[in-house]
N, C-alpha and C. Protein backbone atom coordinates (compact mmCIF):
# COMPACT_ATOMS: atom_id res chain seq x y z
N MET A 1 14.03 -5.42 -6.46
CA MET A 1 13.15 -5.60 -6.97
C MET A 1 11.89 -4.91 -6.67
N GLU A 2 11.03 -4.14 -6.85
CA GLU A 2 9.79 -3.65 -6.62
C GLU A 2 8.78 -4.64 -6.62
N GLN A 3 8.44 -5.04 -5.44
CA GLN A 3 7.14 -5.93 -4.71
C GLN A 3 5.76 -5.26 -5.83
N PRO A 4 4.56 -5.58 -6.25
CA PRO A 4 3.86 -5.03 -6.42
C PRO A 4 2.90 -4.46 -5.13
N GLU A 5 1.81 -3.54 -5.35
CA GLU A 5 1.25 -3.53 -4.17
C GLU A 5 0.36 -4.81 -4.12
N ARG A 6 -0.06 -4.90 -2.35
CA ARG A 6 -0.53 -6.25 -2.34
C ARG A 6 -1.78 -5.17 -0.93
N ALA A 7 -2.69 -6.26 -0.72
CA ALA A 7 -4.11 -5.68 -0.08
C ALA A 7 -4.57 -6.70 0.74
N ILE A 8 -4.51 -6.42 1.85
CA ILE A 8 -5.45 -7.91 2.58
C ILE A 8 -6.71 -7.70 3.09
N LYS A 9 -7.80 -8.27 3.28
CA LYS A 9 -9.20 -8.40 3.96
C LYS A 9 -9.10 -8.77 5.16
N ILE A 10 -9.80 -7.75 5.80
CA ILE A 10 -10.22 -8.25 6.89
C ILE A 10 -11.43 -8.14 7.54
N ARG A 11 -11.73 -8.99 8.09
CA ARG A 11 -13.58 -9.37 8.24
C ARG A 11 -13.65 -8.55 9.57
N LYS A 12 -15.15 -7.81 9.69
CA LYS A 12 -16.00 -7.08 10.60
C LYS A 12 -15.57 -7.69 12.02
N ASP A 13 -15.68 -8.82 12.38
CA ASP A 13 -15.57 -9.36 13.59
C ASP A 13 -14.25 -8.84 13.54
N GLU A 14 -13.65 -9.13 13.17
CA GLU A 14 -11.98 -9.48 13.26
C GLU A 14 -11.79 -7.62 14.09
N LEU A 15 -12.19 -6.89 12.75
CA LEU A 15 -12.15 -5.57 13.14
C LEU A 15 -12.17 -5.00 14.32
N VAL A 16 -13.57 -5.45 15.30
CA VAL A 16 -13.99 -4.78 15.84
C VAL A 16 -13.79 -5.83 17.68
N ASP A 17 -12.82 -7.04 17.39
CA ASP A 17 -12.29 -7.53 18.27
C ASP A 17 -10.70 -6.72 18.50
N ILE A 18 -10.05 -6.72 17.15
CA ILE A 18 -8.77 -5.65 17.61
C ILE A 18 -8.88 -5.08 17.65
N LYS A 19 -10.21 -3.80 17.39
CA LYS A 19 -10.10 -2.56 18.14
C LYS A 19 -10.71 -2.48 19.93
N GLY A 20 -11.19 -3.55 19.93
CA GLY A 20 -11.49 -3.80 21.77
C GLY A 20 -10.25 -4.55 22.63
N LEU A 21 -9.60 -5.04 21.47
CA LEU A 21 -8.36 -5.70 22.01
C LEU A 21 -7.12 -4.22 22.39
N TYR A 22 -7.30 -3.28 21.55
CA TYR A 22 -6.46 -2.09 21.65
C TYR A 22 -7.30 -1.23 23.21
N GLU A 23 -8.83 -0.55 22.56
CA GLU A 23 -9.54 -0.16 23.90
C GLU A 23 -9.21 -0.83 24.78
N THR A 24 -8.69 -1.80 25.35
CA THR A 24 -8.83 -2.98 26.95
C THR A 24 -7.48 -2.23 26.86
N VAL A 25 -6.51 -1.95 26.13
CA VAL A 25 -4.93 -1.84 26.54
C VAL A 25 -5.07 -0.09 26.70
N MET A 26 -4.98 0.07 26.12
CA MET A 26 -4.52 1.55 25.62
C MET A 26 -6.07 3.18 26.24
N THR A 27 -6.82 2.19 25.78
CA THR A 27 -8.06 2.83 26.84
C THR A 27 -8.68 4.09 25.67
N PHE A 28 -8.87 5.76 26.01
CA PHE A 28 -9.14 5.99 24.51
C PHE A 28 -8.17 6.38 23.90
N ALA A 29 -6.85 6.59 24.28
CA ALA A 29 -5.89 6.72 23.70
C ALA A 29 -5.86 6.38 22.03
N SER A 30 -6.75 5.01 22.01
CA SER A 30 -6.62 3.99 21.33
C SER A 30 -7.38 4.79 20.54
N HIS A 31 -8.40 5.96 20.71
CA HIS A 31 -9.38 6.24 19.71
C HIS A 31 -8.35 7.11 18.51
N GLY A 32 -7.51 8.12 19.12
CA GLY A 32 -6.51 8.40 18.02
C GLY A 32 -5.47 7.74 17.44
N MET A 33 -5.13 6.75 17.91
CA MET A 33 -4.95 6.08 16.66
C MET A 33 -5.62 5.49 16.02
N PHE A 34 -6.80 4.88 16.03
CA PHE A 34 -7.56 4.25 14.92
C PHE A 34 -7.73 5.99 14.12
N TYR A 35 -8.09 7.02 14.52
CA TYR A 35 -8.44 8.64 14.13
C TYR A 35 -7.04 8.67 12.93
N ARG A 36 -6.54 8.46 13.16
CA ARG A 36 -4.50 8.68 12.64
C ARG A 36 -4.18 7.38 11.63
N SER A 37 -4.57 6.35 12.40
CA SER A 37 -4.29 5.06 10.99
C SER A 37 -6.29 5.26 9.61
N GLY A 38 -6.60 5.92 10.39
CA GLY A 38 -7.61 5.94 8.96
C GLY A 38 -7.19 7.07 8.54
N ARG A 39 -6.62 8.41 8.53
CA ARG A 39 -6.13 9.24 8.21
C ARG A 39 -4.75 8.60 7.36
N ILE A 40 -3.68 7.75 7.50
CA ILE A 40 -3.04 7.23 6.67
C ILE A 40 -3.88 6.50 5.78
N MET A 41 -5.17 5.35 6.19
CA MET A 41 -5.51 4.46 4.97
C MET A 41 -5.95 5.80 3.49
N GLY A 42 -6.72 6.88 4.34
CA GLY A 42 -7.55 8.07 3.11
C GLY A 42 -6.33 8.47 2.40
N ASP A 43 -5.48 9.13 2.71
CA ASP A 43 -4.20 8.89 1.69
C ASP A 43 -4.49 7.70 0.44
N ARG A 44 -4.03 6.81 0.93
CA ARG A 44 -4.75 5.53 -0.74
C ARG A 44 -5.69 6.62 -0.76
N ILE A 45 -7.06 6.45 -0.56
CA ILE A 45 -8.29 6.86 -0.75
C ILE A 45 -8.06 7.85 -1.70
N VAL A 46 -7.42 8.90 -1.30
CA VAL A 46 -7.28 10.05 -1.57
C VAL A 46 -6.88 10.39 -3.76
N LYS A 47 -5.69 9.42 -3.37
CA LYS A 47 -4.89 8.76 -4.89
C LYS A 47 -5.88 8.45 -5.80
N ALA A 48 -6.14 7.81 -5.48
CA ALA A 48 -7.60 6.62 -6.25
C ALA A 48 -8.23 7.42 -6.34
N ALA A 49 -9.17 8.43 -5.31
CA ALA A 49 -10.66 9.16 -5.55
C ALA A 49 -10.33 10.60 -6.12
N GLY A 50 -9.05 11.59 -5.64
CA GLY A 50 -9.10 12.78 -5.84
C GLY A 50 -10.57 13.18 -4.58
N SER A 51 -10.48 14.91 -4.81
CA SER A 51 -12.01 15.31 -4.04
C SER A 51 -12.89 14.90 -4.66
N ASP A 52 -13.25 14.28 -5.44
CA ASP A 52 -14.74 14.22 -5.75
C ASP A 52 -15.65 13.24 -5.33
N PHE A 53 -17.02 13.53 -4.50
CA PHE A 53 -18.01 13.04 -3.83
C PHE A 53 -17.82 11.96 -4.42
N ALA A 54 -18.96 11.59 -5.19
CA ALA A 54 -18.75 10.42 -5.88
C ALA A 54 -18.11 9.28 -6.18
N ARG A 55 -16.75 9.75 -6.38
CA ARG A 55 -15.37 9.05 -6.86
C ARG A 55 -15.21 8.33 -5.04
N VAL A 56 -14.73 8.79 -4.11
CA VAL A 56 -14.93 8.89 -3.02
C VAL A 56 -16.38 7.74 -2.07
N ARG A 57 -17.37 8.03 -2.24
CA ARG A 57 -18.45 6.83 -2.43
C ARG A 57 -18.22 6.11 -2.54
N GLU A 58 -17.60 5.78 -3.71
CA GLU A 58 -17.98 4.19 -4.53
C GLU A 58 -16.41 3.60 -3.82
N VAL A 59 -15.13 4.17 -4.14
CA VAL A 59 -14.30 3.78 -3.01
C VAL A 59 -14.67 3.07 -2.05
N LEU A 60 -15.46 4.19 -0.50
CA LEU A 60 -16.02 3.59 0.14
C LEU A 60 -16.81 2.05 -0.04
N ILE A 61 -17.49 2.53 -0.58
CA ILE A 61 -18.59 1.44 -0.60
C ILE A 61 -17.96 -0.08 -1.50
N SER A 62 -17.43 0.31 -2.40
CA SER A 62 -16.63 -0.71 -3.46
C SER A 62 -15.58 -1.44 -2.38
N GLU A 63 -14.75 -0.89 -1.01
CA GLU A 63 -13.92 -1.65 -0.39
C GLU A 63 -14.63 -2.04 1.17
N GLY A 64 -16.28 -1.73 0.75
CA GLY A 64 -16.64 -2.88 1.85
C GLY A 64 -16.88 -1.42 3.37
N TRP A 65 -16.12 -0.39 3.49
CA TRP A 65 -16.54 0.28 4.61
C TRP A 65 -17.80 0.45 5.22
N VAL A 66 -18.10 0.89 4.24
CA VAL A 66 -19.34 0.99 4.50
C VAL A 66 -20.50 0.64 3.13
N THR A 67 -21.81 0.53 4.04
CA THR A 67 -22.82 0.26 2.73
C THR A 67 -23.15 1.41 2.15
N ASP A 68 -23.69 2.76 2.42
CA ASP A 68 -23.59 3.65 2.12
C ASP A 68 -23.20 5.42 2.28
N ILE A 69 -23.07 6.40 2.18
CA ILE A 69 -22.72 7.34 2.48
C ILE A 69 -22.79 8.40 1.91
N ASP A 70 -23.05 9.67 2.07
CA ASP A 70 -23.94 10.84 1.55
C ASP A 70 -23.16 12.60 2.52
N PHE A 71 -22.61 12.72 2.10
CA PHE A 71 -21.96 14.14 1.95
C PHE A 71 -23.02 15.76 1.61
N ASP A 72 -23.24 16.09 2.44
CA ASP A 72 -23.72 17.14 2.67
C ASP A 72 -23.26 18.59 3.18
N GLY A 73 -21.81 19.38 2.85
CA GLY A 73 -21.70 20.31 3.19
C GLY A 73 -20.43 19.69 4.18
N ASP A 74 -20.52 19.89 5.54
CA ASP A 74 -19.42 19.89 6.31
C ASP A 74 -20.28 18.24 7.08
N VAL A 75 -21.58 18.01 6.88
CA VAL A 75 -22.35 16.63 7.68
C VAL A 75 -21.91 15.16 6.55
N VAL A 76 -21.34 14.23 6.93
CA VAL A 76 -21.86 13.35 6.20
C VAL A 76 -22.22 12.01 7.07
N THR A 77 -22.88 11.48 6.20
CA THR A 77 -24.33 10.67 7.21
C THR A 77 -23.63 9.34 6.42
N VAL A 78 -23.26 8.66 7.06
CA VAL A 78 -23.15 6.63 6.82
C VAL A 78 -24.43 5.40 7.06
N SER A 79 -24.25 5.05 6.20
CA SER A 79 -25.59 3.68 7.07
C SER A 79 -24.15 2.45 6.64
N GLY A 80 -24.27 1.33 7.56
CA GLY A 80 -23.43 0.36 7.59
C GLY A 80 -21.76 0.67 7.75
N SER A 81 -21.40 1.24 8.72
CA SER A 81 -19.75 1.81 9.19
C SER A 81 -19.47 -0.06 9.48
N ILE A 82 -18.47 -0.66 8.56
CA ILE A 82 -17.61 -1.25 8.66
C ILE A 82 -17.02 -1.37 10.58
N GLU A 83 -17.30 -0.14 11.35
CA GLU A 83 -16.42 0.07 12.51
C GLU A 83 -17.35 -0.36 13.72
N SER A 84 -19.14 -0.46 13.16
CA SER A 84 -19.86 -0.66 14.37
C SER A 84 -19.71 -1.65 15.20
N SER A 85 -20.08 -1.60 16.34
CA SER A 85 -20.43 -2.73 17.22
C SER A 85 -21.29 -2.05 17.92
N SER A 86 -21.25 -2.53 19.40
CA SER A 86 -21.66 -2.69 20.65
C SER A 86 -20.95 -1.25 21.62
N SER A 87 -21.85 -0.22 21.59
CA SER A 87 -20.86 0.40 22.52
C SER A 87 -21.88 1.50 22.61
N ASP A 88 -20.96 2.36 24.02
CA ASP A 88 -22.60 3.45 24.36
C ASP A 88 -22.03 5.03 23.81
N ALA A 89 -20.61 4.91 23.08
CA ALA A 89 -20.35 6.14 22.34
C ALA A 89 -19.91 6.02 21.18
N PRO A 90 -19.38 6.16 20.49
CA PRO A 90 -19.22 6.17 18.78
C PRO A 90 -18.16 5.60 19.10
N ALA A 91 -17.91 4.96 17.94
CA ALA A 91 -16.72 3.81 17.36
C ALA A 91 -16.28 3.74 16.13
N CYS A 92 -16.48 4.87 15.04
CA CYS A 92 -16.41 4.53 13.77
C CYS A 92 -14.53 5.31 13.89
N HIS A 93 -14.19 5.31 14.34
CA HIS A 93 -11.97 6.27 14.77
C HIS A 93 -12.26 6.29 13.21
N ILE A 94 -11.43 5.23 12.46
CA ILE A 94 -10.54 4.38 11.76
C ILE A 94 -11.42 5.40 10.33
N LEU A 95 -12.80 5.63 9.96
CA LEU A 95 -13.65 6.07 9.50
C LEU A 95 -13.17 7.70 9.35
N ARG A 96 -13.57 7.85 10.65
CA ARG A 96 -13.84 9.81 10.74
C ARG A 96 -12.05 9.73 10.47
N GLY A 97 -10.96 9.26 10.64
CA GLY A 97 -9.84 9.58 9.89
C GLY A 97 -9.93 9.47 8.22
N VAL A 98 -10.18 8.47 7.79
CA VAL A 98 -10.65 8.47 6.18
C VAL A 98 -11.42 9.87 5.83
N ILE A 99 -12.53 9.70 6.62
CA ILE A 99 -13.30 11.40 6.26
C ILE A 99 -12.51 12.39 6.28
N ALA A 100 -12.00 12.33 7.30
CA ALA A 100 -10.45 13.58 6.95
C ALA A 100 -9.99 14.09 6.38
N ARG A 101 -9.08 12.89 5.40
CA ARG A 101 -8.57 12.80 5.02
C ARG A 101 -9.06 13.44 3.63
N PHE A 102 -10.26 12.96 3.52
CA PHE A 102 -10.54 13.17 2.38
C PHE A 102 -11.06 15.13 2.42
N PHE A 103 -11.66 15.79 3.17
CA PHE A 103 -12.30 16.63 3.43
C PHE A 103 -10.97 17.40 3.38
N GLU A 104 -9.83 17.21 3.68
CA GLU A 104 -8.21 18.22 3.30
C GLU A 104 -8.01 18.79 2.38
N GLU A 105 -7.92 16.87 1.34
CA GLU A 105 -7.76 17.49 -0.07
C GLU A 105 -8.79 18.38 -0.75
N ARG A 106 -9.89 17.73 -0.03
CA ARG A 106 -10.94 18.84 -0.81
C ARG A 106 -10.95 19.82 -0.84
N THR A 107 -10.60 20.78 0.54
CA THR A 107 -10.80 22.07 0.70
C THR A 107 -9.04 22.60 0.77
N GLY A 108 -8.30 22.13 1.28
CA GLY A 108 -6.76 22.77 1.24
C GLY A 108 -6.79 22.76 2.45
N LYS A 109 -7.96 22.65 3.90
CA LYS A 109 -7.42 22.92 5.19
C LYS A 109 -7.40 21.52 6.40
N ASP A 110 -6.74 22.14 6.98
CA ASP A 110 -6.52 20.97 8.30
C ASP A 110 -7.76 20.59 9.13
N VAL A 111 -8.56 20.10 8.68
CA VAL A 111 -9.78 19.40 8.96
C VAL A 111 -10.25 18.28 10.26
N TYR A 112 -10.88 18.31 10.92
CA TYR A 112 -11.17 17.11 12.18
C TYR A 112 -12.56 16.62 11.59
N CYS A 113 -12.79 15.88 12.05
CA CYS A 113 -13.48 15.01 12.23
C CYS A 113 -14.52 14.52 13.46
N HIS A 114 -15.82 15.13 13.67
CA HIS A 114 -15.87 14.64 14.81
C HIS A 114 -17.53 13.55 14.92
N GLU A 115 -17.88 12.26 15.48
CA GLU A 115 -18.52 11.65 15.16
C GLU A 115 -19.49 12.10 15.87
N ARG A 116 -20.88 12.15 15.12
CA ARG A 116 -21.73 12.46 16.60
C ARG A 116 -23.14 11.84 16.56
N LYS A 117 -23.26 11.07 16.18
CA LYS A 117 -24.13 9.81 16.35
C LYS A 117 -23.55 8.96 15.56
N CYS A 118 -24.23 7.58 16.35
CA CYS A 118 -23.37 6.89 15.94
C CYS A 118 -23.98 4.62 15.90
N LEU A 119 -24.12 3.61 14.70
CA LEU A 119 -24.45 3.01 14.72
C LEU A 119 -24.56 2.00 16.25
N SER A 120 -23.16 2.45 16.76
CA SER A 120 -22.83 1.46 17.85
C SER A 120 -23.22 1.87 18.75
N LYS A 121 -23.92 2.75 19.14
CA LYS A 121 -24.45 3.09 20.51
C LYS A 121 -25.83 3.32 20.18
N GLY A 122 -26.57 2.87 19.10
CA GLY A 122 -27.97 2.64 18.32
C GLY A 122 -28.64 3.86 17.74
N ASP A 123 -27.35 4.94 17.34
CA ASP A 123 -28.21 5.48 16.41
C ASP A 123 -28.76 4.85 14.99
N GLU A 124 -29.69 5.46 14.50
CA GLU A 124 -29.56 4.71 13.10
C GLU A 124 -29.02 4.78 12.01
N LYS A 125 -28.32 6.03 12.37
CA LYS A 125 -26.71 6.59 11.12
C LYS A 125 -26.07 6.97 12.01
N CYS A 126 -24.27 6.88 10.97
CA CYS A 126 -23.36 7.63 11.52
C CYS A 126 -23.62 8.64 11.02
N VAL A 127 -23.19 9.73 12.19
CA VAL A 127 -23.46 11.36 11.63
C VAL A 127 -22.35 12.03 11.76
N PHE A 128 -21.14 12.22 10.80
CA PHE A 128 -19.58 12.92 11.50
C PHE A 128 -19.91 14.55 10.56
N VAL A 129 -19.39 15.51 11.77
CA VAL A 129 -19.50 16.73 10.78
C VAL A 129 -17.83 16.94 11.09
N ILE A 130 -17.90 18.23 10.08
CA ILE A 130 -16.42 18.46 9.51
C ILE A 130 -16.03 19.62 10.57
N ASP A 131 -14.93 19.84 11.12
CA ASP A 131 -14.44 21.13 11.72
C ASP A 131 -13.10 21.43 11.12
N THR A 132 -13.26 22.79 10.79
CA THR A 132 -11.58 23.27 10.62
C THR A 132 -10.81 23.78 11.73
N GLU A 133 -11.60 23.76 13.54
CA GLU A 133 -10.70 23.81 14.39
C GLU A 133 -10.92 22.50 14.99
N VAL A 134 -9.93 22.34 15.90
CA VAL A 134 -10.29 21.23 17.11
C VAL A 134 -11.03 21.46 18.61
N LEU A 135 -12.21 21.32 18.79
CA LEU A 135 -12.75 21.75 19.87
C LEU A 135 -12.72 20.48 21.54
């Protein structure tokens, strides 16, 4: 018998604490794991929203990933990322993966998402840039 799709909620403070735990054990390797986890979560979001900017924005806001998001070419600006914390480096690795997966669906190309600015390190907003090559 097939089980109905279920979902759980995770609080921002829990997510930040879990990420801190992984970073303590795995250091920078955890960032790649979070990024790839975001890509997996992005699969579901892409299935729900397709490659439409407005629909993806709606899903990310309604699910609590962000309080707002703006797509401008290969630059994505985010307000209120659920992953933001206090850090000296960009910290929104799961969201990077979600955004990358969306752009792959939209462009049909492999992409990589870099976070150039982050609330975590005191920037006003998080800013992500999409690349077709890993630098």
